[in-house]
Amino acid sequence: MMPPTLENEPMPTYRNRLWPCLGLVLVLCIGPSATHAADSPLFEGRKPLVPHRVAMVTASTHLGKVYRPDLFDRTVEQLPSLGFNGVLVILATTHGTSAGRELLPEILGDPEKTETWSRMFDRIEALGLNIYMSFSPLIPEEFSRDEVKSHYAGRKKLEGLPRKICAVTEAQAKAVFTALPQVDGLMLHSLELEELWGPNVVSP
């Protein structure tokens, strides 16, 4: 097997901060009972087994039909007592946070929304938690989705596509880390990669 290079590796990374993986990710239900979980004897005296213990917290249920932004903060505040040291924020209209449930272009494109999200991240950072955000894969504007899928399916190669994807991905990641310096890393979702670029990207 050839070692991965920029040309044959389907998913370029943003140096050390485009989050490749964590030791453990748990999805927390943020119903009212979750805020009392730390009182359970189950957590007494337990020692973490992995260095990165990240919880995915969402303020929405029923595919976004129910939105309770207050529950987001209440749940995040409990994470340190549950042994977590990080939180994964999913940017999707079906999820959400106490700062809102906008998508990344809306957050970065509106100074007022950027400030709102920055204040929320300040509160999370003050709890001693690392902050990770979901990050959607991108297609360079000169290519169509069908062309990219065809490229990764091996039907029609596009000259320089991986390098151009790397460039737009790094530009967007840099914009995130500049506008929201509290963010420690970004995560690419494999299902989004498959939907946008085709199944060969994640299941060659």
Protein backbone atom coordinates (compact mmCIF):
# COMPACT_ATOMS: atom_id res chain seq x y z
CA MET A 1 0.00 0.00 0.00
CA MET A 2 1.31 3.42 -0.92
CA PRO A 3 1.81 5.85 1.96
CA PRO A 4 -0.81 8.67 1.97
CA THR A 5 0.13 11.83 0.13
CA LEU A 6 -1.75 15.01 -0.64
CA GLU A 7 -2.70 13.61 -4.04
CA ASN A 8 -3.93 10.15 -2.99
CA GLU A 9 -5.37 10.93 0.43
CA PRO A 10 -9.09 11.69 0.01
CA MET A 11 -9.48 13.83 3.13
CA PRO A 12 -6.83 16.50 3.69
CA THR A 13 -6.33 17.65 7.26
CA TYR A 14 -5.80 21.10 8.63
CA ARG A 15 -2.37 20.49 10.14
CA ASN A 16 -2.71 19.53 13.83
CA ARG A 17 -6.01 21.21 14.60
CA LEU A 18 -8.42 19.56 12.18
CA TRP A 19 -9.57 16.99 14.67
CA PRO A 20 -8.74 13.46 13.45
CA CYS A 21 -10.29 11.53 16.33
CA LEU A 22 -10.81 11.44 20.06
CA GLY A 23 -10.45 8.60 22.49
CA LEU A 24 -14.13 8.63 23.43
CA VAL A 25 -17.23 10.48 22.32
CA LEU A 26 -20.53 10.08 24.14
CA VAL A 27 -23.89 11.53 23.23
CA LEU A 28 -25.66 13.00 26.23
CA CYS A 29 -29.41 13.24 26.49
CA ILE A 30 -30.01 16.71 27.83
CA GLY A 31 -33.33 16.08 29.44
CA PRO A 32 -33.74 17.33 33.03
CA SER A 33 -32.51 14.02 34.48
CA ALA A 34 -29.10 14.49 32.88
CA THR A 35 -28.30 17.43 35.12
CA HIS A 36 -28.48 15.17 38.18
CA ALA A 37 -26.30 12.36 36.82
CA ALA A 38 -23.25 13.58 38.72
CA ASP A 39 -24.98 12.78 42.01
CA SER A 40 -25.09 9.08 41.18
CA PRO A 41 -22.75 6.69 43.06
CA LEU A 42 -21.86 5.29 39.64
CA PHE A 43 -19.32 8.11 39.18
CA GLU A 44 -17.73 8.02 42.63
CA GLY A 45 -14.04 7.10 42.56
CA ARG A 46 -13.96 6.29 38.86
CA LYS A 47 -10.72 7.11 37.03
CA PRO A 48 -10.67 8.15 33.35
CA LEU A 49 -9.23 5.53 31.00
CA VAL A 50 -8.62 7.82 28.00
CA PRO A 51 -7.09 11.34 27.87
CA HIS A 52 -9.79 12.94 25.69
CA ARG A 53 -13.28 12.51 27.12
CA VAL A 54 -15.66 14.48 24.96
CA ALA A 55 -19.42 14.74 25.17
CA MET A 56 -21.64 15.77 22.29
CA VAL A 57 -24.33 18.04 23.68
CA THR A 58 -27.34 19.28 21.75
CA ALA A 59 -30.16 21.66 22.66
CA SER A 60 -32.65 20.03 20.29
CA THR A 61 -34.65 16.83 20.15
CA HIS A 62 -37.07 15.21 17.69
CA LEU A 63 -34.86 16.18 14.71
CA GLY A 64 -34.83 19.81 15.71
CA LYS A 65 -38.55 20.27 16.39
CA VAL A 66 -37.93 20.88 20.10
CA TYR A 67 -35.30 23.50 20.93
CA ARG A 68 -34.34 24.16 24.58
CA PRO A 69 -31.23 26.40 24.61
CA ASP A 70 -31.29 26.60 28.43
CA LEU A 71 -30.66 22.86 28.68
CA PHE A 72 -27.44 23.20 26.69
CA ASP A 73 -25.72 25.36 29.32
CA ARG A 74 -27.14 23.33 32.20
CA THR A 75 -25.78 20.11 30.73
CA VAL A 76 -22.37 21.54 29.77
CA GLU A 77 -21.92 22.79 33.34
CA GLN A 78 -22.25 19.19 34.58
CA LEU A 79 -19.62 17.71 32.26
CA PRO A 80 -16.53 18.25 34.48
CA SER A 81 -18.22 16.49 37.40
CA LEU A 82 -19.01 13.57 35.08
CA GLY A 83 -15.34 13.17 34.13
CA PHE A 84 -15.49 14.86 30.73
CA ASN A 85 -12.84 17.36 29.66
CA GLY A 86 -14.28 18.43 26.33
CA VAL A 87 -17.49 19.19 24.47
CA LEU A 88 -18.32 18.63 20.81
CA VAL A 89 -20.60 21.29 19.33
CA ILE A 90 -22.54 20.13 16.28
CA LEU A 91 -23.36 22.92 13.85
CA ALA A 92 -26.71 21.92 12.39
CA THR A 93 -30.24 23.28 12.43
CA THR A 94 -31.38 19.97 13.94
CA HIS A 95 -29.07 20.46 16.93
CA GLY A 96 -28.24 23.78 18.59
CA THR A 97 -26.63 25.51 21.55
CA SER A 98 -27.52 28.30 23.94
CA ALA A 99 -25.99 30.69 21.38
CA GLY A 100 -28.27 29.50 18.59
CA ARG A 101 -28.33 26.86 15.91
CA GLU A 102 -26.91 28.63 12.92
CA LEU A 103 -24.56 27.07 10.40
CA LEU A 104 -20.91 28.07 10.17
CA PRO A 105 -21.23 30.59 7.29
CA GLU A 106 -23.95 32.43 9.21
CA ILE A 107 -21.87 32.52 12.40
CA LEU A 108 -18.72 33.79 10.71
CA GLY A 109 -20.58 36.16 8.38
CA ASP A 110 -22.39 38.10 11.11
CA PRO A 111 -20.24 39.94 13.70
CA GLU A 112 -23.07 39.97 16.23
CA LYS A 113 -23.58 36.21 15.95
CA THR A 114 -19.83 35.63 16.10
CA GLU A 115 -19.71 37.61 19.35
CA THR A 116 -22.64 35.64 20.80
CA TRP A 117 -20.92 32.33 20.05
CA SER A 118 -17.63 33.66 21.36
CA ARG A 119 -19.22 34.56 24.70
CA MET A 120 -20.71 31.07 24.96
CA PHE A 121 -17.31 29.53 24.24
CA ASP A 122 -15.77 31.75 26.93
CA ARG A 123 -18.22 30.26 29.44
CA ILE A 124 -17.39 26.72 28.31
CA GLU A 125 -13.65 27.40 28.42
CA ALA A 126 -13.98 28.76 31.96
CA LEU A 127 -15.22 25.30 33.00
CA GLY A 128 -11.88 23.82 31.92
CA LEU A 129 -13.38 22.09 28.89
CA ASN A 130 -11.81 21.76 25.46
CA ILE A 131 -14.08 22.87 22.62
CA TYR A 132 -14.49 20.97 19.36
CA MET A 133 -16.79 21.89 16.48
CA SER A 134 -18.24 19.94 13.60
CA PHE A 135 -16.89 21.04 10.25
CA SER A 136 -18.58 20.39 6.91
CA PRO A 137 -16.53 19.15 3.95
CA LEU A 138 -16.16 21.64 1.12
CA ILE A 139 -16.13 21.53 -2.67
CA PRO A 140 -14.04 24.12 -4.54
CA GLU A 141 -16.36 26.42 -6.45
CA GLU A 142 -14.93 25.44 -9.85
CA PHE A 143 -16.10 21.83 -9.39
CA SER A 144 -19.58 20.34 -9.09
CA ARG A 145 -20.64 17.69 -6.58
CA ASP A 146 -21.09 15.14 -9.38
CA GLU A 147 -17.58 15.83 -10.69
CA VAL A 148 -16.07 15.29 -7.25
CA LYS A 149 -18.00 12.06 -6.73
CA SER A 150 -16.85 10.85 -10.14
CA HIS A 151 -13.25 11.70 -9.23
CA TYR A 152 -13.28 9.69 -6.01
CA ALA A 153 -15.16 6.84 -7.69
CA GLY A 154 -12.25 6.56 -10.12
CA ARG A 155 -14.31 7.36 -13.20
CA LYS A 156 -12.89 10.76 -14.18
CA LYS A 157 -9.89 12.22 -12.41
CA LEU A 158 -9.83 15.98 -11.84
CA GLU A 159 -6.37 17.47 -11.98
CA GLY A 160 -5.37 19.10 -8.71
CA LEU A 161 -8.68 18.44 -6.92
CA PRO A 162 -7.15 17.21 -3.60
CA ARG A 163 -4.88 20.27 -3.41
CA LYS A 164 -7.78 22.64 -4.09
CA ILE A 165 -9.94 20.92 -1.48
CA CYS A 166 -7.05 21.25 0.96
CA ALA A 167 -6.78 24.97 0.18
CA VAL A 168 -10.47 25.80 0.73
CA THR A 169 -10.61 23.59 3.83
CA GLU A 170 -7.58 25.27 5.37
CA ALA A 171 -8.98 28.72 4.55
CA GLN A 172 -12.27 27.97 6.26
CA ALA A 173 -10.55 26.34 9.24
CA LYS A 174 -8.28 29.37 9.61
CA ALA A 175 -11.35 31.62 9.56
CA VAL A 176 -12.86 29.59 12.42
CA PHE A 177 -9.73 29.68 14.56
CA THR A 178 -9.33 33.41 13.92
CA ALA A 179 -12.92 34.40 14.72
CA LEU A 180 -13.35 31.87 17.55
CA PRO A 181 -9.90 31.29 19.11
CA GLN A 182 -11.43 29.26 21.95
CA VAL A 183 -12.03 26.36 19.52
CA ASP A 184 -9.44 23.61 20.04
CA GLY A 185 -10.27 21.45 17.03
CA LEU A 186 -12.62 20.63 14.18
CA MET A 187 -14.30 17.35 13.28
CA LEU A 188 -15.32 16.18 9.81
CA HIS A 189 -18.38 13.92 9.79
CA SER A 190 -17.94 10.74 7.74
CA LEU A 191 -21.61 10.69 6.69
CA GLU A 192 -21.34 14.21 5.33
CA LEU A 193 -18.17 13.22 3.49
CA GLU A 194 -19.95 10.28 1.90
CA GLU A 195 -22.98 12.36 0.96
CA LEU A 196 -20.90 15.14 -0.59
CA TRP A 197 -18.00 13.25 -2.18
CA GLY A 198 -19.29 9.72 -2.58
CA PRO A 199 -18.92 6.41 -0.67
CA ASN A 200 -15.36 5.72 -1.90
CA VAL A 201 -14.06 8.54 0.29
CA VAL A 202 -14.92 6.77 3.54
CA SER A 203 -15.30 3.17 2.33
CA PRO A 204 -12.73 2.52 -0.43
